[in-house]
């Protein structure tokens, strides 16, 4: 699949030498400033809306968007500001939290495969199957011999989706530790955000380095031609929204969805309606 040389070209995870530590969470490659981002975001959202309509009408292929990131990285905000361009009639958001007893009784991919988008539709994963090589690894919930096999299993799963008509886009919302501190403080200082704060967030924050290592491996091992990872600098929310919108728009344009051709005698039918 041909890739863009614009924002996507800057942010896609590629090559054996790629390192997460080299990615600046405050960078804005491919964008001049906040005003430029706002104009481009508006155009992207309008185009995404039109392309989703065609994808739904075509009814043959689907799009899966995976969102991952540390606490406060902006997954919910991105869904509100960018994914709101999608018509909810053909789009579903799946928040993957701790597995339920039923989910835990199956293999780790069972619950995500059930949520894969149907033909003509879009699915957004707020966290995903990657939790099973991130949280599971950092908290030592299963042996290394188990989670280390999952990278290959994930690649096979995503390749299977691709072969059956699903375009897979994966976004890691990359924030700095300092930015996370500021966002956590905002949740404490603003009463209307208290519901978003959990003391557990502080415990996860203490494992920052372990999570960065886990993300390094997950992104490097599971960014493929058919299911690429994009590292989105997310300290600046306006750039985060622009970057994701542009990559989604370009992916839909490459898909080039086309409604089915329908044979209609338009003149005859128009005549019948005119006489009605």
Protein backbone atom coordinates (compact mmCIF):
# COMPACT_ATOMS: atom_id res chain seq x y z
CA UNK A 1 0.00 0.00 0.00
CA UNK A 2 1.39 3.40 -0.98
CA UNK A 3 2.09 5.71 1.94
CA UNK A 4 1.85 9.48 2.22
CA UNK A 5 5.02 11.54 2.43
CA UNK A 6 3.18 14.10 4.58
CA UNK A 7 2.29 13.74 8.24
CA UNK A 8 1.88 9.97 7.93
CA UNK A 9 5.36 9.67 6.47
CA UNK A 10 6.81 11.43 9.50
CA UNK A 11 4.91 9.40 12.09
CA UNK A 12 4.74 5.82 10.81
CA UNK A 13 6.85 3.28 12.67
CA UNK A 14 9.32 1.85 10.16
CA UNK A 15 12.60 -0.05 10.14
CA UNK A 16 14.65 -2.05 12.60
CA UNK A 17 16.42 1.05 13.93
CA UNK A 18 13.21 2.84 14.97
CA UNK A 19 13.20 3.96 18.61
CA UNK A 20 10.32 5.39 20.62
CA UNK A 21 12.84 7.39 22.66
CA UNK A 22 13.67 9.38 19.50
CA UNK A 23 10.06 10.58 19.12
CA UNK A 24 9.37 14.03 20.56
CA UNK A 25 5.86 14.25 22.15
CA UNK A 26 5.77 18.01 21.43
CA UNK A 27 6.80 17.79 17.78
CA UNK A 28 4.48 19.01 15.01
CA UNK A 29 5.97 17.65 11.78
CA UNK A 30 4.09 18.64 8.65
CA UNK A 31 2.16 21.48 10.30
CA UNK A 32 3.01 25.17 10.68
CA UNK A 33 0.99 26.13 13.73
CA UNK A 34 -2.31 25.80 15.60
CA UNK A 35 -4.20 28.02 13.15
CA UNK A 36 -3.01 25.93 10.21
CA UNK A 37 -4.02 22.78 12.06
CA UNK A 38 -7.54 24.08 12.73
CA UNK A 39 -8.19 24.82 9.04
CA UNK A 40 -6.84 21.48 7.88
CA UNK A 41 -8.73 19.58 10.57
CA UNK A 42 -12.03 21.09 9.42
CA UNK A 43 -11.35 20.04 5.82
CA UNK A 44 -10.28 16.56 6.88
CA UNK A 45 -13.41 15.97 8.94
CA UNK A 46 -15.66 17.01 6.07
CA UNK A 47 -13.83 14.67 3.72
CA UNK A 48 -13.93 11.80 6.24
CA UNK A 49 -17.69 12.25 6.57
CA UNK A 50 -18.15 11.99 2.81
CA UNK A 51 -15.86 8.98 2.47
CA UNK A 52 -17.54 7.08 5.29
CA UNK A 53 -20.86 7.54 3.52
CA UNK A 54 -19.37 5.91 0.40
CA UNK A 55 -17.80 3.10 2.46
CA UNK A 56 -21.17 2.31 3.99
CA UNK A 57 -22.89 2.41 0.61
CA UNK A 58 -20.25 0.14 -0.92
CA UNK A 59 -20.74 -2.40 1.89
CA UNK A 60 -17.71 -4.51 0.98
CA UNK A 61 -14.83 -3.34 3.17
CA UNK A 62 -14.29 -1.93 6.64
CA UNK A 63 -11.93 0.19 8.72
CA UNK A 64 -10.48 -0.58 12.15
CA UNK A 65 -8.88 2.21 14.18
CA UNK A 66 -6.84 1.22 17.24
CA UNK A 67 -6.01 3.82 19.91
CA UNK A 68 -3.38 3.20 22.56
CA UNK A 69 -1.57 5.49 24.96
CA UNK A 70 -0.63 6.15 28.54
CA UNK A 71 -3.27 7.50 30.94
CA UNK A 72 -4.31 11.08 29.97
CA UNK A 73 -2.83 10.72 26.46
CA UNK A 74 -6.14 11.82 24.94
CA UNK A 75 -7.91 8.74 23.60
CA UNK A 76 -11.33 9.94 24.78
CA UNK A 77 -10.69 13.49 23.58
CA UNK A 78 -9.62 12.27 20.17
CA UNK A 79 -12.78 10.20 19.83
CA UNK A 80 -14.91 13.25 20.70
CA UNK A 81 -13.12 15.69 18.41
CA UNK A 82 -12.11 13.59 15.41
CA UNK A 83 -14.09 10.36 15.36
CA UNK A 84 -17.30 12.37 15.79
CA UNK A 85 -17.02 12.92 12.04
CA UNK A 86 -18.22 9.34 11.60
CA UNK A 87 -21.93 8.63 11.32
CA UNK A 88 -22.72 6.49 14.42
CA UNK A 89 -25.09 4.39 12.31
CA UNK A 90 -22.03 2.68 10.82
CA UNK A 91 -19.41 3.22 13.51
CA UNK A 92 -18.92 1.63 16.91
CA UNK A 93 -16.48 2.46 19.71
CA UNK A 94 -15.21 -0.40 21.87
CA UNK A 95 -13.55 0.48 25.21
CA UNK A 96 -11.47 -2.51 26.22
CA UNK A 97 -11.04 -2.55 29.97
CA UNK A 98 -10.11 -5.41 32.29
CA UNK A 99 -11.48 -8.65 30.78
CA UNK A 100 -14.79 -9.92 32.11
CA UNK A 101 -14.92 -13.50 33.47
CA UNK A 102 -16.40 -14.64 30.14
CA UNK A 103 -13.66 -12.89 28.15
CA UNK A 104 -10.92 -14.22 30.42
CA UNK A 105 -12.19 -17.76 29.82
CA UNK A 106 -11.20 -17.47 26.12
CA UNK A 107 -7.97 -16.72 24.28
CA UNK A 108 -6.85 -13.09 24.47
CA UNK A 109 -7.97 -12.27 20.91
CA UNK A 110 -11.51 -13.60 21.32
CA UNK A 111 -13.07 -10.40 22.61
CA UNK A 112 -11.43 -8.15 20.03
CA UNK A 113 -12.25 -10.37 17.08
CA UNK A 114 -15.92 -10.23 18.09
CA UNK A 115 -15.69 -6.43 17.91
CA UNK A 116 -14.07 -6.27 14.47
CA UNK A 117 -16.05 -4.04 12.08
CA UNK A 118 -18.62 -5.48 9.74
CA UNK A 119 -18.42 -4.76 6.02
CA UNK A 120 -19.22 -1.15 5.30
CA UNK A 121 -18.57 -0.10 8.88
CA UNK A 122 -15.87 1.38 11.11
CA UNK A 123 -14.77 0.19 14.55
CA UNK A 124 -12.70 2.21 17.00
CA UNK A 125 -10.83 0.38 19.75
CA UNK A 126 -10.19 2.52 22.84
CA UNK A 127 -7.33 0.32 24.07
CA UNK A 128 -7.21 -3.05 22.41
CA UNK A 129 -5.59 -6.47 22.08
CA UNK A 130 -2.27 -4.72 22.72
CA UNK A 131 -3.10 -4.56 26.42
CA UNK A 132 -2.06 -8.22 26.44
CA UNK A 133 1.54 -7.29 25.62
CA UNK A 134 1.50 -4.06 27.68
CA UNK A 135 -0.38 -4.22 31.00
CA UNK A 136 0.00 -7.98 31.15
CA UNK A 137 3.75 -7.65 30.63
CA UNK A 138 4.35 -4.71 32.97
CA UNK A 139 2.34 -6.27 35.80
CA UNK A 140 3.72 -9.76 35.19
CA UNK A 141 0.22 -11.23 34.90
CA UNK A 142 1.37 -14.11 32.70
CA UNK A 143 4.83 -15.63 32.15
CA UNK A 144 7.17 -14.07 29.60
CA UNK A 145 6.91 -17.27 27.57
CA UNK A 146 3.21 -16.50 27.09
CA UNK A 147 3.17 -12.76 26.31
CA UNK A 148 6.26 -12.96 24.10
CA UNK A 149 4.38 -15.25 21.69
CA UNK A 150 1.58 -12.76 21.33
CA UNK A 151 3.39 -10.36 19.01
CA UNK A 152 3.34 -12.96 16.24
CA UNK A 153 -0.25 -13.91 17.06
CA UNK A 154 -1.31 -10.26 16.86
CA UNK A 155 0.41 -9.85 13.49
CA UNK A 156 -1.34 -12.95 12.17
CA UNK A 157 -4.71 -11.72 13.47
CA UNK A 158 -4.32 -8.30 11.85
CA UNK A 159 -3.15 -9.87 8.60
CA UNK A 160 -6.26 -12.04 8.66
CA UNK A 161 -8.45 -8.94 9.01
CA UNK A 162 -6.57 -7.27 6.16
CA UNK A 163 -7.04 -10.26 3.87
CA UNK A 164 -10.77 -10.11 4.49
CA UNK A 165 -11.16 -6.45 3.57
CA UNK A 166 -10.44 -4.56 6.79
CA UNK A 167 -7.99 -1.66 6.68
CA UNK A 168 -6.19 -1.44 10.05
CA UNK A 169 -4.77 1.83 11.40
CA UNK A 170 -3.07 1.94 14.81
CA UNK A 171 -2.29 5.13 16.72
CA UNK A 172 -0.07 5.47 19.78
CA UNK A 173 -0.83 8.80 21.44
CA UNK A 174 2.60 9.78 22.71
CA UNK A 175 2.80 12.19 25.64
CA UNK A 176 5.67 13.19 27.89
CA UNK A 177 5.81 12.36 31.60
CA UNK A 178 5.67 16.08 32.41
CA UNK A 179 2.54 16.54 30.31
CA UNK A 180 0.89 13.60 32.02
CA UNK A 181 1.61 15.17 35.42
CA UNK A 182 -0.03 18.41 34.32
CA UNK A 183 -3.12 16.63 33.01
CA UNK A 184 -3.47 14.60 36.20
CA UNK A 185 -3.22 17.81 38.24
CA UNK A 186 -5.97 19.36 36.11
CA UNK A 187 -8.22 16.43 36.94
CA UNK A 188 -7.64 17.09 40.65
CA UNK A 189 -8.09 20.85 40.40
CA UNK A 190 -11.23 20.90 38.25
CA UNK A 191 -14.28 19.35 39.99
CA UNK A 192 -15.98 18.39 36.72
CA UNK A 193 -12.95 16.20 35.94
CA UNK A 194 -12.76 14.40 39.29
CA UNK A 195 -14.61 11.42 37.86
CA UNK A 196 -11.69 10.81 35.49
CA UNK A 197 -9.12 10.57 38.29
CA UNK A 198 -8.17 7.29 39.90
CA UNK A 199 -5.48 6.70 42.50
CA UNK A 200 -4.54 3.74 40.37
CA UNK A 201 -3.29 6.23 37.77
CA UNK A 202 -0.51 7.21 40.16
CA UNK A 203 0.59 3.60 40.53
CA UNK A 204 0.71 3.18 36.76
CA UNK A 205 2.68 6.41 36.48
CA UNK A 206 5.39 4.91 38.68
CA UNK A 207 5.81 2.23 36.02
CA UNK A 208 6.45 4.77 33.27
CA UNK A 209 9.79 3.31 32.16
CA UNK A 210 8.44 -0.23 32.08
CA UNK A 211 5.52 0.89 29.90
CA UNK A 212 7.84 2.75 27.55
CA UNK A 213 9.88 -0.43 27.07
CA UNK A 214 6.72 -2.45 26.52
CA UNK A 215 5.45 0.05 23.95
CA UNK A 216 8.82 0.10 22.22
CA UNK A 217 8.60 -3.65 21.60
CA UNK A 218 4.91 -3.67 20.68
CA UNK A 219 5.23 -0.84 18.17
CA UNK A 220 8.45 -2.09 16.60
CA UNK A 221 7.35 -5.72 16.33
CA UNK A 222 3.79 -5.11 15.20
CA UNK A 223 4.01 -2.27 12.68
CA UNK A 224 3.47 -3.97 9.35
CA UNK A 225 2.61 -2.98 5.80
CA UNK A 226 -0.98 -4.18 6.28
CA UNK A 227 -1.42 -2.76 9.82
CA UNK A 228 0.95 0.16 10.46
CA UNK A 229 1.56 1.89 13.77
CA UNK A 230 1.70 5.68 13.87
CA UNK A 231 3.27 7.47 16.85
CA UNK A 232 1.25 10.66 17.31
CA UNK A 233 2.98 13.46 19.27
CA UNK A 234 0.19 14.34 21.70
CA UNK A 235 1.46 16.95 24.14
CA UNK A 236 -0.21 19.46 21.81
CA UNK A 237 -3.82 18.33 21.47
CA UNK A 238 -4.42 20.37 18.33
CA UNK A 239 -1.62 18.55 16.54
CA UNK A 240 -2.82 15.17 17.79
CA UNK A 241 -6.25 15.78 16.29
CA UNK A 242 -4.88 17.01 12.97
CA UNK A 243 -2.40 14.15 12.57
CA UNK A 244 -4.94 11.40 13.20
CA UNK A 245 -7.57 13.05 11.00
CA UNK A 246 -5.13 13.38 8.13
CA UNK A 247 -3.96 9.78 8.33
CA UNK A 248 -7.54 8.49 8.50
CA UNK A 249 -8.58 10.67 5.56
CA UNK A 250 -5.69 9.46 3.43
CA UNK A 251 -6.43 5.84 4.28
CA UNK A 252 -10.06 6.23 3.23
CA UNK A 253 -8.99 7.96 0.04
CA UNK A 254 -6.66 5.06 -0.78
CA UNK A 255 -9.54 2.66 -0.17
CA UNK A 256 -11.56 4.74 -2.67
CA UNK A 257 -14.97 3.28 -1.71
CA UNK A 258 -17.47 3.18 -4.53
CA UNK A 259 -21.22 2.57 -4.17
CA UNK A 260 -22.59 -0.34 -6.20
CA UNK A 261 -23.96 0.45 -9.63
CA UNK A 262 -27.72 0.07 -9.82
CA UNK A 263 -29.56 -0.24 -13.12
CA UNK A 264 -32.45 2.22 -13.00
CA UNK A 265 -34.66 3.56 -15.75
CA UNK A 266 -34.47 7.04 -14.28
CA UNK A 267 -36.59 8.71 -16.94
CA UNK A 268 -39.46 6.27 -16.51
CA UNK A 269 -39.28 6.42 -12.71
CA UNK A 270 -39.11 10.22 -12.74
CA UNK A 271 -42.14 10.26 -14.93
CA UNK A 272 -44.07 8.05 -12.53
CA UNK A 273 -43.16 10.30 -9.63
CA UNK A 274 -44.15 13.40 -11.60
CA UNK A 275 -47.63 11.93 -12.12
CA UNK A 276 -47.95 10.90 -8.46
